[in-house]
Amino acid sequence: MDSPSHTVLVVDDDSAIRFLCRVNLELDGWTVREAATIPQAREAIDDGDVGIVLLDVHVGSANGIEFLGELRDSHPGLPVVMLTGSVGSPSLEGAIADAVISKPFTLEQLTGTVGRLVGRVSRDAG
């Protein structure tokens, strides 16, 4: 099993976004887990093998920002990147994410942000 620092959890109710993230991150050498709901995300994080979380602002009817607050309380050192189609909107005010990636995003934004937050350099960058 890969170390937690090499495992990315993608939390998004949109299967196409999860697929896009998984394929591109795996090509960059990451292990990727997916969650379509907040309960699935909690379960994956509780398993203890997640090094960084990509979290959509809206996960179905759930509020990703509320879940971010929960993660900050329960896993304060876990890097969290918010995925959103509404950067600059009031919905992100006060969110304490490590980074924000707006949709649509580029491969470089995705892999570069994940790599930077866990101290890895993308294979393409070196």
C-alpha atoms as a PDB file:
ATOM      1  CA  MET A   1       0.000   0.000   0.000  1.00  0.00           C
ATOM      2  CA  ASP A   2       1.238   3.506  -0.794  1.00  0.00           C
ATOM      3  CA  SER A   3       1.960   5.898   2.036  1.00  0.00           C
ATOM      4  CA  PRO A   4      -0.811   8.335   2.947  1.00  0.00           C
ATOM      5  CA  SER A   5       1.172  11.274   1.583  1.00  0.00           C
ATOM      6  CA  HIS A   6       0.866   9.733  -1.885  1.00  0.00           C
ATOM      7  CA  THR A   7      -2.893   9.201  -1.702  1.00  0.00           C
ATOM      8  CA  VAL A   8      -5.366  11.798  -2.955  1.00  0.00           C
ATOM      9  CA  LEU A   9      -9.051  11.638  -2.032  1.00  0.00           C
ATOM     10  CA  VAL A  10     -11.319  13.255  -4.639  1.00  0.00           C
ATOM     11  CA  VAL A  11     -14.702  14.190  -3.149  1.00  0.00           C
ATOM     12  CA  ASP A  12     -17.189  15.266  -5.815  1.00  0.00           C
ATOM     13  CA  ASP A  13     -20.692  14.093  -6.714  1.00  0.00           C
ATOM     14  CA  ASP A  14     -19.861  14.535 -10.416  1.00  0.00           C
ATOM     15  CA  SER A  15     -18.423  11.242 -11.667  1.00  0.00           C
ATOM     16  CA  ALA A  16     -16.826  12.975 -14.679  1.00  0.00           C
ATOM     17  CA  ILE A  17     -14.831  15.301 -12.406  1.00  0.00           C
ATOM     18  CA  ARG A  18     -13.736  12.376 -10.201  1.00  0.00           C
ATOM     19  CA  PHE A  19     -12.681  10.458 -13.318  1.00  0.00           C
ATOM     20  CA  LEU A  20     -10.758  13.427 -14.736  1.00  0.00           C
ATOM     21  CA  CYS A  21      -8.930  13.945 -11.456  1.00  0.00           C
ATOM     22  CA  ARG A  22      -8.205  10.245 -10.957  1.00  0.00           C
ATOM     23  CA  VAL A  23      -6.822   9.629 -14.448  1.00  0.00           C
ATOM     24  CA  ASN A  24      -4.593  12.705 -14.451  1.00  0.00           C
ATOM     25  CA  LEU A  25      -3.324  12.272 -10.909  1.00  0.00           C
ATOM     26  CA  GLU A  26      -2.600   8.574 -11.467  1.00  0.00           C
ATOM     27  CA  LEU A  27      -0.608   9.492 -14.590  1.00  0.00           C
ATOM     28  CA  ASP A  28       1.404  11.800 -12.331  1.00  0.00           C
ATOM     29  CA  GLY A  29       2.144   8.937  -9.923  1.00  0.00           C
ATOM     30  CA  TRP A  30      -0.521   9.433  -7.258  1.00  0.00           C
ATOM     31  CA  THR A  31      -2.796   6.855  -5.688  1.00  0.00           C
ATOM     32  CA  VAL A  32      -6.359   8.137  -5.938  1.00  0.00           C
ATOM     33  CA  ARG A  33      -9.462   7.279  -3.941  1.00  0.00           C
ATOM     34  CA  GLU A  34     -12.887   8.629  -4.848  1.00  0.00           C
ATOM     35  CA  ALA A  35     -15.929   9.621  -2.824  1.00  0.00           C
ATOM     36  CA  ALA A  36     -19.249  10.730  -4.285  1.00  0.00           C
ATOM     37  CA  THR A  37     -20.726  11.682  -0.898  1.00  0.00           C
ATOM     38  CA  ILE A  38     -19.556  13.204   2.378  1.00  0.00           C
ATOM     39  CA  PRO A  39     -20.194   9.928   4.278  1.00  0.00           C
ATOM     40  CA  GLN A  40     -17.966   8.097   1.764  1.00  0.00           C
ATOM     41  CA  ALA A  41     -15.307  10.777   2.265  1.00  0.00           C
ATOM     42  CA  ARG A  42     -15.478  10.413   6.055  1.00  0.00           C
ATOM     43  CA  GLU A  43     -15.038   6.655   5.707  1.00  0.00           C
ATOM     44  CA  ALA A  44     -12.012   7.033   3.417  1.00  0.00           C
ATOM     45  CA  ILE A  45     -10.378   9.551   5.750  1.00  0.00           C
ATOM     46  CA  ASP A  46     -11.101   7.416   8.801  1.00  0.00           C
ATOM     47  CA  ASP A  47      -9.293   4.542   7.077  1.00  0.00           C
ATOM     48  CA  GLY A  48      -6.194   6.690   7.575  1.00  0.00           C
ATOM     49  CA  ASP A  49      -4.601   6.410   4.154  1.00  0.00           C
ATOM     50  CA  VAL A  50      -5.358   9.874   2.722  1.00  0.00           C
ATOM     51  CA  GLY A  51      -2.614  12.487   2.338  1.00  0.00           C
ATOM     52  CA  ILE A  52      -4.618  15.269   0.654  1.00  0.00           C
ATOM     53  CA  VAL A  53      -8.277  15.933  -0.144  1.00  0.00           C
ATOM     54  CA  LEU A  54      -9.759  17.540  -3.259  1.00  0.00           C
ATOM     55  CA  LEU A  55     -13.202  18.647  -2.073  1.00  0.00           C
ATOM     56  CA  ASP A  56     -16.018  20.092  -4.151  1.00  0.00           C
ATOM     57  CA  VAL A  57     -17.854  23.043  -2.611  1.00  0.00           C
ATOM     58  CA  HIS A  58     -21.187  21.316  -3.354  1.00  0.00           C
ATOM     59  CA  VAL A  59     -21.264  17.533  -2.942  1.00  0.00           C
ATOM     60  CA  GLY A  60     -24.822  16.706  -3.913  1.00  0.00           C
ATOM     61  CA  SER A  61     -27.029  18.383  -1.327  1.00  0.00           C
ATOM     62  CA  ALA A  62     -24.153  18.497   1.179  1.00  0.00           C
ATOM     63  CA  ASN A  63     -22.036  21.542   1.890  1.00  0.00           C
ATOM     64  CA  GLY A  64     -18.334  20.957   1.211  1.00  0.00           C
ATOM     65  CA  ILE A  65     -17.362  24.033   3.218  1.00  0.00           C
ATOM     66  CA  GLU A  66     -19.071  22.619   6.313  1.00  0.00           C
ATOM     67  CA  PHE A  67     -17.184  19.354   5.749  1.00  0.00           C
ATOM     68  CA  LEU A  68     -13.963  21.370   5.419  1.00  0.00           C
ATOM     69  CA  GLY A  69     -14.634  22.804   8.879  1.00  0.00           C
ATOM     70  CA  GLU A  70     -15.204  19.293  10.194  1.00  0.00           C
ATOM     71  CA  LEU A  71     -11.888  18.168   8.674  1.00  0.00           C
ATOM     72  CA  ARG A  72     -10.054  21.121  10.222  1.00  0.00           C
ATOM     73  CA  ASP A  73     -11.323  20.017  13.646  1.00  0.00           C
ATOM     74  CA  SER A  74     -10.744  16.279  13.251  1.00  0.00           C
ATOM     75  CA  HIS A  75      -7.646  16.226  10.974  1.00  0.00           C
ATOM     76  CA  PRO A  76      -5.957  19.646  11.342  1.00  0.00           C
ATOM     77  CA  GLY A  77      -2.831  18.776   9.345  1.00  0.00           C
ATOM     78  CA  LEU A  78      -4.624  17.288   6.345  1.00  0.00           C
ATOM     79  CA  PRO A  79      -4.256  19.500   3.238  1.00  0.00           C
ATOM     80  CA  VAL A  80      -7.585  20.318   1.571  1.00  0.00           C
ATOM     81  CA  VAL A  81      -8.072  21.816  -1.890  1.00  0.00           C
ATOM     82  CA  MET A  82     -11.530  23.185  -2.646  1.00  0.00           C
ATOM     83  CA  LEU A  83     -12.892  22.592  -6.148  1.00  0.00           C
ATOM     84  CA  THR A  84     -15.436  25.140  -7.258  1.00  0.00           C
ATOM     85  CA  GLY A  85     -17.137  26.649 -10.241  1.00  0.00           C
ATOM     86  CA  SER A  86     -17.773  29.841  -8.284  1.00  0.00           C
ATOM     87  CA  VAL A  87     -14.431  31.329  -7.184  1.00  0.00           C
ATOM     88  CA  GLY A  88     -14.892  34.706  -5.606  1.00  0.00           C
ATOM     89  CA  SER A  89     -18.440  33.987  -4.589  1.00  0.00           C
ATOM     90  CA  PRO A  90     -19.630  34.536  -1.032  1.00  0.00           C
ATOM     91  CA  SER A  91     -19.835  30.748  -0.604  1.00  0.00           C
ATOM     92  CA  LEU A  92     -16.035  30.577  -0.213  1.00  0.00           C
ATOM     93  CA  GLU A  93     -15.662  33.493   2.186  1.00  0.00           C
ATOM     94  CA  GLY A  94     -14.226  32.276   5.456  1.00  0.00           C
ATOM     95  CA  ALA A  95     -13.290  28.850   4.090  1.00  0.00           C
ATOM     96  CA  ILE A  96      -9.896  27.812   5.395  1.00  0.00           C
ATOM     97  CA  ALA A  97      -8.743  25.691   2.473  1.00  0.00           C
ATOM     98  CA  ASP A  98      -5.087  25.222   1.602  1.00  0.00           C
ATOM     99  CA  ALA A  99      -5.881  26.058  -2.030  1.00  0.00           C
ATOM    100  CA  VAL A 100      -8.824  26.658  -4.362  1.00  0.00           C
ATOM    101  CA  ILE A 101      -9.029  25.323  -7.911  1.00  0.00           C
ATOM    102  CA  SER A 102     -11.793  26.668 -10.117  1.00  0.00           C
ATOM    103  CA  LYS A 103     -13.598  24.473 -12.616  1.00  0.00           C
ATOM    104  CA  PRO A 104     -12.746  24.001 -15.378  1.00  0.00           C
ATOM    105  CA  PHE A 105      -9.117  23.500 -14.428  1.00  0.00           C
ATOM    106  CA  THR A 106      -5.990  22.487 -16.295  1.00  0.00           C
ATOM    107  CA  LEU A 107      -3.895  19.400 -15.712  1.00  0.00           C
ATOM    108  CA  GLU A 108      -1.072  21.671 -14.542  1.00  0.00           C
ATOM    109  CA  GLN A 109      -3.320  23.370 -11.970  1.00  0.00           C
ATOM    110  CA  LEU A 110      -4.443  20.003 -10.634  1.00  0.00           C
ATOM    111  CA  THR A 111      -1.115  18.193 -10.400  1.00  0.00           C
ATOM    112  CA  GLY A 112       0.864  21.311  -9.501  1.00  0.00           C
ATOM    113  CA  THR A 113      -1.416  22.233  -6.601  1.00  0.00           C
ATOM    114  CA  VAL A 114      -1.512  18.696  -5.204  1.00  0.00           C
ATOM    115  CA  GLY A 115       2.259  18.316  -5.536  1.00  0.00           C
ATOM    116  CA  ARG A 116       2.975  21.667  -3.923  1.00  0.00           C
ATOM    117  CA  LEU A 117       0.759  20.965  -0.928  1.00  0.00           C
ATOM    118  CA  VAL A 118       2.369  17.646  -0.081  1.00  0.00           C
ATOM    119  CA  GLY A 119       5.899  18.656  -1.017  1.00  0.00           C
ATOM    120  CA  ARG A 120       6.225  16.685  -4.225  1.00  0.00           C
ATOM    121  CA  VAL A 121       7.239  17.935  -7.614  1.00  0.00           C
ATOM    122  CA  SER A 122       5.246  16.766 -10.619  1.00  0.00           C
ATOM    123  CA  ARG A 123       7.154  14.315 -12.801  1.00  0.00           C
ATOM    124  CA  ASP A 124       6.657  16.702 -15.728  1.00  0.00           C
ATOM    125  CA  ALA A 125       8.117  19.666 -13.819  1.00  0.00           C
ATOM    126  CA  GLY A 126      11.613  18.273 -13.373  1.00  0.00           C
END
